[in-house]
C-alpha atoms as a PDB file:
ATOM      1  CA  MET A   1     181.602  92.189 103.177  1.00  0.00           C
ATOM      2  CA  ARG A   2     180.513  95.731 103.909  1.00  0.00           C
ATOM      3  CA  ALA A   3     177.213  97.161 105.153  1.00  0.00           C
ATOM      4  CA  GLY A   4     174.746  97.333 102.272  1.00  0.00           C
ATOM      5  CA  GLU A   5     176.080  94.310 100.409  1.00  0.00           C
ATOM      6  CA  THR A   6     173.522  91.680  99.459  1.00  0.00           C
ATOM      7  CA  VAL A   7     173.404  87.952  98.847  1.00  0.00           C
ATOM      8  CA  LEU A   8     170.810  85.549  97.537  1.00  0.00           C
ATOM      9  CA  MET A   9     170.606  82.472  99.737  1.00  0.00           C
ATOM     10  CA  PRO A  10     168.038  80.150 101.262  1.00  0.00           C
ATOM     11  CA  VAL A  11     166.269  80.959 104.490  1.00  0.00           C
ATOM     12  CA  PRO A  12     166.821  78.028 106.859  1.00  0.00           C
ATOM     13  CA  GLY A  13     163.881  75.664 106.395  1.00  0.00           C
ATOM     14  CA  VAL A  14     162.627  77.353 103.174  1.00  0.00           C
ATOM     15  CA  ALA A  15     163.537  76.093  99.708  1.00  0.00           C
ATOM     16  CA  VAL A  16     163.220  79.447  97.902  1.00  0.00           C
ATOM     17  CA  PRO A  17     166.319  81.683  98.193  1.00  0.00           C
ATOM     18  CA  HIS A  18     165.768  85.159  99.643  1.00  0.00           C
ATOM     19  CA  LEU A  19     167.595  88.456  99.383  1.00  0.00           C
ATOM     20  CA  TRP A  20     169.703  89.037 102.519  1.00  0.00           C
ATOM     21  CA  ILE A  21     171.247  92.430 103.250  1.00  0.00           C
ATOM     22  CA  LEU A  22     174.112  93.178 105.631  1.00  0.00           C
ATOM     23  CA  VAL A  23     172.898  96.192 107.654  1.00  0.00           C
ATOM     24  CA  THR A  24     175.928  96.641 109.935  1.00  0.00           C
ATOM     25  CA  GLU A  25     179.619  96.802 109.295  1.00  0.00           C
ATOM     26  CA  PRO A  26     181.171  93.511 110.416  1.00  0.00           C
ATOM     27  CA  SER A  27     182.870  93.643 113.800  1.00  0.00           C
ATOM     28  CA  GLN A  28     186.624  94.106 113.429  1.00  0.00           C
ATOM     29  CA  ASP A  29     187.154  91.600 116.247  1.00  0.00           C
ATOM     30  CA  THR A  30     184.713  88.835 115.297  1.00  0.00           C
ATOM     31  CA  ASN A  31     183.685  89.530 111.661  1.00  0.00           C
ATOM     32  CA  LEU A  32     180.051  89.216 112.820  1.00  0.00           C
ATOM     33  CA  GLY A  33     177.453  91.341 111.062  1.00  0.00           C
ATOM     34  CA  VAL A  34     173.680  91.678 111.175  1.00  0.00           C
ATOM     35  CA  PHE A  35     171.729  90.511 108.128  1.00  0.00           C
ATOM     36  CA  VAL A  36     168.034  90.981 107.346  1.00  0.00           C
ATOM     37  CA  SER A  37     165.963  89.141 104.760  1.00  0.00           C
ATOM     38  CA  VAL A  38     163.442  90.399 102.248  1.00  0.00           C
ATOM     39  CA  THR A  39     160.235  88.469 101.629  1.00  0.00           C
ATOM     40  CA  SER A  40     156.940  88.911  99.782  1.00  0.00           C
ATOM     41  CA  LEU A  41     154.474  91.412 101.194  1.00  0.00           C
ATOM     42  CA  ARG A  42     151.620  89.486 102.773  1.00  0.00           C
ATOM     43  CA  GLY A  43     149.263  90.260 105.609  1.00  0.00           C
ATOM     44  CA  GLY A  44     150.605  89.516 109.058  1.00  0.00           C
ATOM     45  CA  LYS A  45     154.241  90.174 108.180  1.00  0.00           C
ATOM     46  CA  ASP A  46     156.323  92.975 109.643  1.00  0.00           C
ATOM     47  CA  GLN A  47     155.533  96.045 107.524  1.00  0.00           C
ATOM     48  CA  THR A  48     157.977  98.447 109.170  1.00  0.00           C
ATOM     49  CA  VAL A  49     159.819  98.733 105.834  1.00  0.00           C
ATOM     50  CA  ILE A  50     157.991  98.005 102.590  1.00  0.00           C
ATOM     51  CA  LEU A  51     160.129  97.775  99.477  1.00  0.00           C
ATOM     52  CA  ARG A  52     158.867  98.283  95.959  1.00  0.00           C
ATOM     53  CA  ARG A  53     160.144  97.559  92.481  1.00  0.00           C
ATOM     54  CA  GLY A  54     163.154  99.775  91.883  1.00  0.00           C
ATOM     55  CA  ASP A  55     164.305  99.968  95.506  1.00  0.00           C
ATOM     56  CA  HIS A  56     166.870  97.262  94.630  1.00  0.00           C
ATOM     57  CA  PRO A  57     167.419  95.543  91.256  1.00  0.00           C
ATOM     58  CA  TYR A  58     166.382  92.148  92.685  1.00  0.00           C
ATOM     59  CA  ILE A  59     163.029  93.415  93.953  1.00  0.00           C
ATOM     60  CA  THR A  60     160.306  92.991  91.324  1.00  0.00           C
ATOM     61  CA  LYS A  61     157.187  93.078  93.514  1.00  0.00           C
ATOM     62  CA  ASP A  62     156.080  94.622  96.792  1.00  0.00           C
ATOM     63  CA  SER A  63     158.167  93.092  99.568  1.00  0.00           C
ATOM     64  CA  VAL A  64     158.946  93.587 103.243  1.00  0.00           C
ATOM     65  CA  VAL A  65     162.057  93.365 105.338  1.00  0.00           C
ATOM     66  CA  TYR A  66     161.501  90.624 107.885  1.00  0.00           C
ATOM     67  CA  PHE A  67     163.275  92.139 110.896  1.00  0.00           C
ATOM     68  CA  GLY A  68     162.018  89.329 113.135  1.00  0.00           C
ATOM     69  CA  ASP A  69     164.384  86.994 111.309  1.00  0.00           C
ATOM     70  CA  ALA A  70     167.454  89.266 111.563  1.00  0.00           C
ATOM     71  CA  ARG A  71     170.575  87.144 111.948  1.00  0.00           C
ATOM     72  CA  LEU A  72     174.081  87.656 113.276  1.00  0.00           C
ATOM     73  CA  TRP A  73     176.457  85.841 110.915  1.00  0.00           C
ATOM     74  CA  ASP A  74     180.198  85.559 110.441  1.00  0.00           C
ATOM     75  CA  THR A  75     180.854  87.510 107.248  1.00  0.00           C
ATOM     76  CA  THR A  76     184.027  85.512 106.522  1.00  0.00           C
ATOM     77  CA  LEU A  77     181.827  82.411 106.151  1.00  0.00           C
ATOM     78  CA  ILE A  78     179.492  84.332 103.816  1.00  0.00           C
ATOM     79  CA  ASP A  79     182.546  85.452 101.805  1.00  0.00           C
ATOM     80  CA  ALA A  80     183.702  81.816 101.575  1.00  0.00           C
ATOM     81  CA  ASP A  81     180.255  80.709 100.369  1.00  0.00           C
ATOM     82  CA  LEU A  82     180.327  83.486  97.749  1.00  0.00           C
ATOM     83  CA  ALA A  83     183.792  82.438  96.577  1.00  0.00           C
ATOM     84  CA  SER A  84     182.739  78.786  96.283  1.00  0.00           C
ATOM     85  CA  GLY A  85     179.535  79.632  94.424  1.00  0.00           C
ATOM     86  CA  ALA A  86     177.345  78.160  97.172  1.00  0.00           C
ATOM     87  CA  ILE A  87     175.465  81.470  97.341  1.00  0.00           C
ATOM     88  CA  GLN A  88     175.112  84.356  94.907  1.00  0.00           C
ATOM     89  CA  GLY A  89     176.195  87.945  95.475  1.00  0.00           C
ATOM     90  CA  LEU A  90     173.891  90.642  94.163  1.00  0.00           C
ATOM     91  CA  GLU A  91     174.206  94.388  93.702  1.00  0.00           C
ATOM     92  CA  ALA A  92     174.739  96.324  96.934  1.00  0.00           C
ATOM     93  CA  CYS A  93     171.842  98.447  98.098  1.00  0.00           C
ATOM     94  CA  SER A  94     171.956 102.229  97.853  1.00  0.00           C
ATOM     95  CA  ALA A  95     173.086 104.386 100.766  1.00  0.00           C
ATOM     96  CA  GLY A  96     169.492 105.593 101.160  1.00  0.00           C
ATOM     97  CA  LEU A  97     168.101 102.066 101.320  1.00  0.00           C
ATOM     98  CA  LEU A  98     170.780 101.065 103.832  1.00  0.00           C
ATOM     99  CA  ARG A  99     169.799 104.005 106.076  1.00  0.00           C
ATOM    100  CA  LEU A 100     166.123 102.973 105.782  1.00  0.00           C
ATOM    101  CA  LEU A 101     166.973  99.403 106.798  1.00  0.00           C
ATOM    102  CA  GLN A 102     169.108 100.566 109.720  1.00  0.00           C
ATOM    103  CA  SER A 103     166.264 102.779 110.928  1.00  0.00           C
ATOM    104  CA  GLY A 104     163.799  99.930 110.423  1.00  0.00           C
ATOM    105  CA  ILE A 105     165.789  97.441 112.479  1.00  0.00           C
ATOM    106  CA  LEU A 106     165.778  99.939 115.358  1.00  0.00           C
ATOM    107  CA  ASN A 107     162.043 100.661 115.052  1.00  0.00           C
ATOM    108  CA  SER A 108     160.475  97.326 114.162  1.00  0.00           C
ATOM    109  CA  PRO A 109     158.573  95.734 117.043  1.00  0.00           C
ATOM    110  CA  TYR A 110     159.733  92.359 115.670  1.00  0.00           C
ATOM    111  CA  THR A 111     163.507  92.871 115.889  1.00  0.00           C
ATOM    112  CA  PRO A 112     164.910  90.335 118.372  1.00  0.00           C
ATOM    113  CA  ASN A 113     166.095  92.072 121.560  1.00  0.00           C
ATOM    114  CA  SER A 114     169.668  90.794 121.231  1.00  0.00           C
ATOM    115  CA  ILE A 115     169.910  92.150 117.667  1.00  0.00           C
ATOM    116  CA  LEU A 116     168.285  95.436 118.708  1.00  0.00           C
ATOM    117  CA  ARG A 117     170.800  95.948 121.531  1.00  0.00           C
ATOM    118  CA  LEU A 118     173.699  95.136 119.236  1.00  0.00           C
ATOM    119  CA  CYS A 119     172.501  97.492 116.500  1.00  0.00           C
ATOM    120  CA  ARG A 120     171.895 100.322 118.962  1.00  0.00           C
ATOM    121  CA  SER A 121     175.458  99.886 120.186  1.00  0.00           C
ATOM    122  CA  MET A 122     176.915  99.687 116.658  1.00  0.00           C
ATOM    123  CA  PHE A 123     174.923 102.708 115.444  1.00  0.00           C
ATOM    124  CA  GLY A 124     175.640 104.739 118.607  1.00  0.00           C
ATOM    125  CA  VAL A 125     171.936 104.977 119.527  1.00  0.00           C
ATOM    126  CA  ARG A 126     170.733 105.062 123.127  1.00  0.00           C
ATOM    127  CA  ALA A 127     167.852 102.865 124.220  1.00  0.00           C
ATOM    128  CA  LYS A 128     164.469 104.576 124.338  1.00  0.00           C
END
């Protein structure tokens, strides 16, 4: 997988599959990459990045990126799940959307500290 690629898979504990986007390049050493999920826009959710119809082909209604649920996953396992059909690959996001998501993960007050530190390091950004 490469940064910007997307998959449709369940959120742990939720029956409805969500759009997940890889926002970092996988580590060459560990194959770990940071993924964020997209969910419906509702009050009380992280609204750092709001996505609208047309921002990605899968998005048909106003949605948000839930940075508080950002996950570090082994991309080789995601690739295996794609190959087996356990999860579905979708169209990669645009370069502009990827940049927006990368900025959002750095600026959201909900991004877990461990993910924030990792992304700052991967993006070459110093802590504020």
